[in-house]
Structure formats: structure tokens, C-alpha cells
Protein backbone atom coordinates (compact mmCIF):
# COMPACT_ATOMS: atom_id res chain seq x y z
CA MET A 1 -62.92 -31.87 -44.85
CA VAL A 2 -64.69 -34.65 -46.78
CA ALA A 3 -68.04 -36.36 -46.25
CA LEU A 4 -66.50 -39.57 -44.91
CA LYS A 5 -65.09 -37.71 -41.88
CA ILE A 6 -68.46 -36.56 -40.50
CA ILE A 7 -70.63 -39.63 -41.05
CA SER A 8 -73.08 -40.26 -38.21
CA HIS A 9 -72.59 -43.53 -36.32
CA ILE A 10 -75.93 -43.35 -34.52
CA LEU A 11 -78.53 -43.73 -37.27
CA SER A 12 -78.96 -46.93 -39.26
CA PRO A 13 -80.48 -47.09 -42.77
CA LEU A 14 -83.89 -48.56 -43.50
CA ARG A 15 -84.52 -51.82 -45.32
CA THR A 16 -87.19 -52.34 -47.96
CA SER A 17 -88.97 -54.73 -45.59
CA ASP A 18 -89.36 -52.09 -42.86
CA THR A 19 -92.90 -50.78 -42.51
CA GLY A 20 -93.79 -47.13 -42.83
CA GLU A 21 -94.70 -47.10 -39.16
CA ALA A 22 -91.26 -48.40 -38.15
CA ALA A 23 -89.56 -45.83 -40.38
CA LEU A 24 -91.67 -42.99 -38.96
CA THR A 25 -90.87 -44.11 -35.42
CA MET A 26 -87.15 -43.99 -36.16
CA MET A 27 -87.52 -40.52 -37.66
CA ASN A 28 -89.36 -39.29 -34.59
CA VAL A 29 -86.79 -40.77 -32.20
CA TYR A 30 -83.86 -39.10 -33.97
CA HIS A 31 -85.72 -35.93 -35.00
CA VAL A 32 -85.11 -36.27 -38.74
CA LYS A 33 -87.47 -36.29 -41.72
CA HIS A 34 -85.40 -38.29 -44.20
CA LEU A 35 -83.72 -41.71 -44.07
CA PRO A 36 -81.86 -43.80 -46.68
CA ILE A 37 -83.08 -47.19 -47.89
CA VAL A 38 -80.54 -49.91 -48.62
CA ASN A 39 -80.55 -53.50 -49.81
CA ASN A 40 -77.53 -55.24 -48.30
CA GLU A 41 -74.89 -52.62 -49.22
CA SER A 42 -76.68 -51.14 -52.23
CA PHE A 43 -78.15 -47.67 -51.83
CA LEU A 44 -81.71 -47.63 -53.21
CA GLY A 45 -82.99 -44.19 -52.35
CA ILE A 46 -84.09 -41.86 -49.61
CA ILE A 47 -87.55 -41.74 -48.06
CA SER A 48 -89.15 -38.66 -46.53
CA GLU A 49 -91.67 -38.29 -43.76
CA ASP A 50 -94.21 -37.08 -46.35
CA ASP A 51 -93.69 -40.26 -48.41
CA ILE A 52 -94.69 -42.34 -45.39
CA LEU A 53 -97.71 -40.23 -44.51
CA ASP A 54 -98.92 -40.44 -48.12
CA ASN A 55 -98.93 -44.25 -48.02
CA ASP A 56 -100.22 -47.10 -45.87
CA MET A 57 -97.90 -47.10 -42.84
CA ASN A 58 -98.52 -50.82 -42.30
CA GLU A 59 -97.03 -51.67 -45.70
CA PRO A 60 -93.29 -52.20 -46.28
CA ILE A 61 -91.56 -49.09 -47.59
CA GLY A 62 -90.22 -51.10 -50.53
CA SER A 63 -93.69 -50.78 -52.04
CA TYR A 64 -93.72 -46.98 -51.74
CA ARG A 65 -93.19 -44.54 -54.56
CA LEU A 66 -90.50 -42.12 -53.40
CA SER A 67 -90.79 -38.39 -54.08
CA LEU A 68 -87.08 -37.54 -53.90
CA ILE A 69 -84.70 -38.21 -56.79
CA ASN A 70 -82.12 -40.10 -54.78
CA PRO A 71 -79.93 -37.26 -53.48
CA PHE A 72 -76.57 -38.47 -52.15
CA VAL A 73 -72.91 -37.48 -51.83
CA TYR A 74 -69.76 -39.48 -52.40
CA GLU A 75 -67.50 -40.20 -49.44
CA SER A 76 -64.77 -38.05 -51.00
CA ASP A 77 -67.04 -35.02 -51.60
CA HIS A 78 -66.09 -31.82 -49.80
CA LEU A 79 -68.24 -30.54 -46.95
CA PHE A 80 -69.32 -27.60 -49.11
CA ASP A 81 -70.82 -30.09 -51.60
CA VAL A 82 -72.62 -31.80 -48.73
CA MET A 83 -74.11 -28.48 -47.62
CA LYS A 84 -75.13 -27.65 -51.18
CA LYS A 85 -77.03 -30.93 -51.62
CA ILE A 86 -78.72 -30.61 -48.22
CA ALA A 87 -79.86 -27.07 -49.07
CA GLN A 88 -80.96 -27.95 -52.62
CA HIS A 89 -83.24 -30.75 -51.46
CA ASN A 90 -84.15 -29.32 -48.03
CA LEU A 91 -82.87 -32.47 -46.30
CA THR A 92 -82.31 -33.37 -42.65
CA THR A 93 -80.00 -36.27 -43.59
CA ILE A 94 -78.07 -37.19 -46.72
CA PRO A 95 -76.70 -40.62 -47.68
CA VAL A 96 -72.99 -41.14 -48.36
CA ILE A 97 -71.89 -43.72 -50.95
CA ASP A 98 -68.57 -44.99 -52.32
CA ASN A 99 -67.42 -45.11 -55.95
CA GLN A 100 -69.25 -48.42 -56.46
CA GLU A 101 -72.42 -46.68 -55.21
CA ASN A 102 -72.52 -48.84 -52.11
CA TYR A 103 -73.97 -47.26 -49.00
CA VAL A 104 -71.31 -46.03 -46.54
CA GLY A 105 -73.37 -44.05 -44.03
CA LEU A 106 -75.31 -40.85 -43.65
CA ILE A 107 -74.73 -37.29 -42.53
CA THR A 108 -77.33 -35.40 -40.54
CA LEU A 109 -77.91 -31.67 -40.69
CA GLU A 110 -77.01 -31.62 -36.99
CA ASP A 111 -73.63 -33.22 -37.79
CA VAL A 112 -72.86 -30.43 -40.26
CA VAL A 113 -73.90 -27.68 -37.86
CA LYS A 114 -71.77 -29.17 -35.08
CA PHE A 115 -68.76 -29.42 -37.38
CA TYR A 116 -69.07 -25.79 -38.43
CA ALA A 117 -69.53 -24.70 -34.82
CA THR A 118 -66.37 -26.46 -33.64
CA GLY A 119 -64.23 -26.27 -36.75
CA PHE A 120 -64.67 -22.72 -38.02
CA SER A 121 -63.75 -20.63 -34.96
CA PHE A 122 -67.32 -20.01 -33.78
CA ASN A 123 -66.26 -20.96 -30.27
CA GLU A 124 -63.32 -18.57 -30.33
CA ALA A 125 -63.67 -15.31 -28.42
CA GLY A 126 -63.92 -12.28 -30.66
CA GLY A 127 -66.19 -9.88 -32.47
CA ILE A 128 -67.89 -10.09 -35.85
CA ILE A 129 -67.98 -7.46 -38.59
CA VAL A 130 -70.19 -7.80 -41.66
CA LEU A 131 -69.20 -5.76 -44.71
CA ASP A 132 -71.39 -4.88 -47.69
CA VAL A 133 -69.02 -5.13 -50.66
CA HIS A 134 -69.70 -4.94 -54.39
CA ARG A 135 -68.65 -8.13 -56.13
CA ASN A 136 -66.19 -6.30 -58.41
CA ASN A 137 -64.44 -4.65 -55.45
CA TYR A 138 -64.09 -7.73 -53.26
CA SER A 139 -60.55 -8.55 -52.14
CA MET A 140 -60.03 -10.73 -49.09
CA ALA A 141 -56.34 -9.83 -49.11
CA GLU A 142 -57.14 -6.13 -48.77
CA ILE A 143 -59.78 -6.75 -46.09
CA ALA A 144 -57.33 -8.86 -44.07
CA ARG A 145 -54.65 -6.17 -44.47
CA ILE A 146 -56.99 -3.51 -43.04
CA VAL A 147 -57.82 -5.73 -40.06
CA GLU A 148 -54.16 -6.57 -39.47
CA SER A 149 -53.23 -2.87 -39.59
CA SER A 150 -55.34 -2.53 -36.42
CA ASN A 151 -53.37 -5.33 -34.71
CA ALA A 152 -56.12 -7.91 -35.17
CA LEU A 153 -56.61 -11.07 -37.22
CA VAL A 154 -59.40 -12.56 -39.32
CA ILE A 155 -59.80 -16.07 -37.91
CA SER A 156 -62.68 -17.07 -40.20
CA SER A 157 -64.85 -15.54 -42.90
CA PHE A 158 -68.02 -16.31 -44.82
CA ILE A 159 -69.48 -14.76 -47.94
CA SER A 160 -73.14 -14.62 -48.92
CA SER A 161 -74.45 -13.19 -52.18
CA GLN A 162 -77.17 -10.57 -52.45
CA HIS A 163 -78.65 -11.79 -55.74
CA THR A 164 -80.83 -8.76 -56.37
CA SER A 165 -78.10 -6.14 -55.99
CA GLY A 166 -74.88 -7.94 -56.91
CA GLU A 167 -73.50 -7.11 -53.47
CA LEU A 168 -71.65 -9.52 -51.21
CA LEU A 169 -72.06 -9.74 -47.44
CA VAL A 170 -68.62 -10.57 -46.07
CA SER A 171 -68.80 -11.81 -42.46
CA LEU A 172 -65.52 -11.61 -40.56
CA LYS A 173 -64.86 -13.38 -37.25
CA LEU A 174 -62.00 -11.56 -35.53
CA ASN A 175 -59.72 -12.47 -32.65
CA THR A 176 -60.67 -9.36 -30.66
CA ASN A 177 -63.74 -7.65 -29.24
CA GLU A 178 -62.12 -4.22 -29.65
CA LEU A 179 -63.85 -3.26 -32.88
CA ALA A 180 -63.88 0.55 -32.80
CA GLY A 181 -60.46 1.01 -34.43
CA ILE A 182 -61.14 -1.65 -37.07
CA LEU A 183 -64.52 -0.13 -37.94
CA SER A 184 -62.87 3.28 -38.34
CA ALA A 185 -60.22 1.75 -40.59
CA PHE A 186 -62.86 0.22 -42.86
CA GLU A 187 -64.64 3.57 -43.08
CA ARG A 188 -61.38 5.29 -44.07
CA PHE A 189 -61.04 2.84 -46.94
CA ASP A 190 -64.68 3.45 -48.01
CA TYR A 191 -65.98 0.06 -46.92
CA LYS A 192 -69.65 -0.07 -45.98
CA VAL A 193 -70.16 -1.77 -42.61
CA HIS A 194 -73.44 -3.67 -42.74
CA SER A 195 -73.42 -4.66 -39.05
CA PHE A 196 -71.09 -5.65 -36.22
CA TYR A 197 -71.34 -7.71 -33.05
CA SER A 198 -69.16 -7.76 -29.97
CA GLU A 199 -69.29 -10.23 -27.09
CA ARG A 200 -68.29 -7.35 -24.84
CA ASP A 201 -71.31 -5.33 -25.99
CA GLU A 202 -73.54 -8.28 -25.11
CA TYR A 203 -71.90 -8.53 -21.69
CA ASP A 204 -72.35 -4.79 -21.09
CA ASN A 205 -76.03 -5.01 -22.07
CA LEU A 206 -76.62 -7.89 -19.68
CA LYS A 207 -74.76 -6.11 -16.89
CA GLU A 208 -76.80 -2.94 -17.44
CA ARG A 209 -80.03 -4.93 -17.23
CA TYR A 210 -78.83 -6.71 -14.11
CA ASP A 211 -77.87 -3.42 -12.42
CA SER A 212 -81.25 -1.93 -13.31
CA LEU A 213 -83.02 -4.95 -11.84
CA MET A 214 -80.99 -4.75 -8.61
CA LYS A 215 -81.73 -1.04 -8.37
CA TYR A 216 -85.45 -1.70 -8.88
CA LEU A 217 -85.50 -4.46 -6.25
CA SER A 218 -83.77 -2.19 -3.71
CA ILE A 219 -86.43 0.53 -3.97
């Protein structure tokens, strides 16, 4: 997936002639704190809510000194690069430009979250297992084999690094809520289970609370 595919078609860029007040109003309406500035098709930079509040809001934003160093992504950049830039600069939107550095559109943080939610099996039924694995021992092929030996599948996975310990947290979304056998299999192969989550467990907890409430109300 590339940046061009998830461009927002709701938000428009700002012009240098727009006042700070107009820019702040647009930010408030769309619940963002950053918007791109363009001149015709040329991308000029990105303005933050703080930039506006630090200046005279009745003045055009073209007269402002911007605090951000023009973060952007190219339309052909992968979604992972988009996420990296958003995280690096703590952005709520990021401009997208073409190879001639003309403005193409923007991507909001909400757009990225929605894409991940719909495109990476988050909506699929199934449990989640998080493994604590040393970087030198990590093998996704072996992890998948252990899961498959319990008649289940890994339908998505994410890895986060524990910088202080050199450990990796490997999050596995599975196609089943029956986790007991899979957890036992990981233990047999000396994998450390950091945590696990089952939709069935959540249902059972809610049912238990509901039954307790009904019992209380019937007293």
C-alpha cells in the first residue's frame, strides 16, 4: 500500500493568503493540528496549531515563521514510511507530493488508523497472543509452524522492539479464540508468552457480570 491510495478527499490545503484565524477554524472543524500550505500546486510547508497561536491570527499565514521542517511523503512511499514520518514529527496530517514536489493531497492520522483497522485483520474474529522473544531467536517461520501445528493460522502479526533489553514483542492475531492448546505449544518450545487476549474471555467476563447483576436485582 502506497501513500497515494489513502489520501484524504475531505481536507483542502491552506493558501498563503489565509489568515491564522481561518486556518485555526479549519483545524478545529476537522480535529487536526497540522495543515499544508500550497501556492497553486507547489507545496510550501506545513503549519501547526502552535504556529498560529504564536502569531497574530488576523495576519495571513504566509507571513508566519513555521516551526516544522516541511515533513512530507511522496505519493509512491509505502504506508510504513508514512507512519514513520507521522511518528517522527508527531503529526495529525502529512502532505503528499509527486516527484516534481507538487502537492497531491494529504493523509490524516485517522486515515492511517482506519486503513490498519480494516486492512490488517483487526476486524477478523480471533484471539491475540503476544510473545517476548530475544532478537537473535526470532523466527516468524517457526512461530507460524507452532501455531499451525495446533490447527490455527496467524492472520496478521506486528513486532515492537524493547530497546532497553533487546527483546522483541511479537503480537500474533490468530483465526481462533481457542488459545489454550497454542499457548501450551509455545511453552513446550520455550517461548515466553507476554500476554494473550481472547474475544471469548471478554464475552465470558461480560456474561458473568450480567448474571451477577441479574442475581443482585432479584434479591
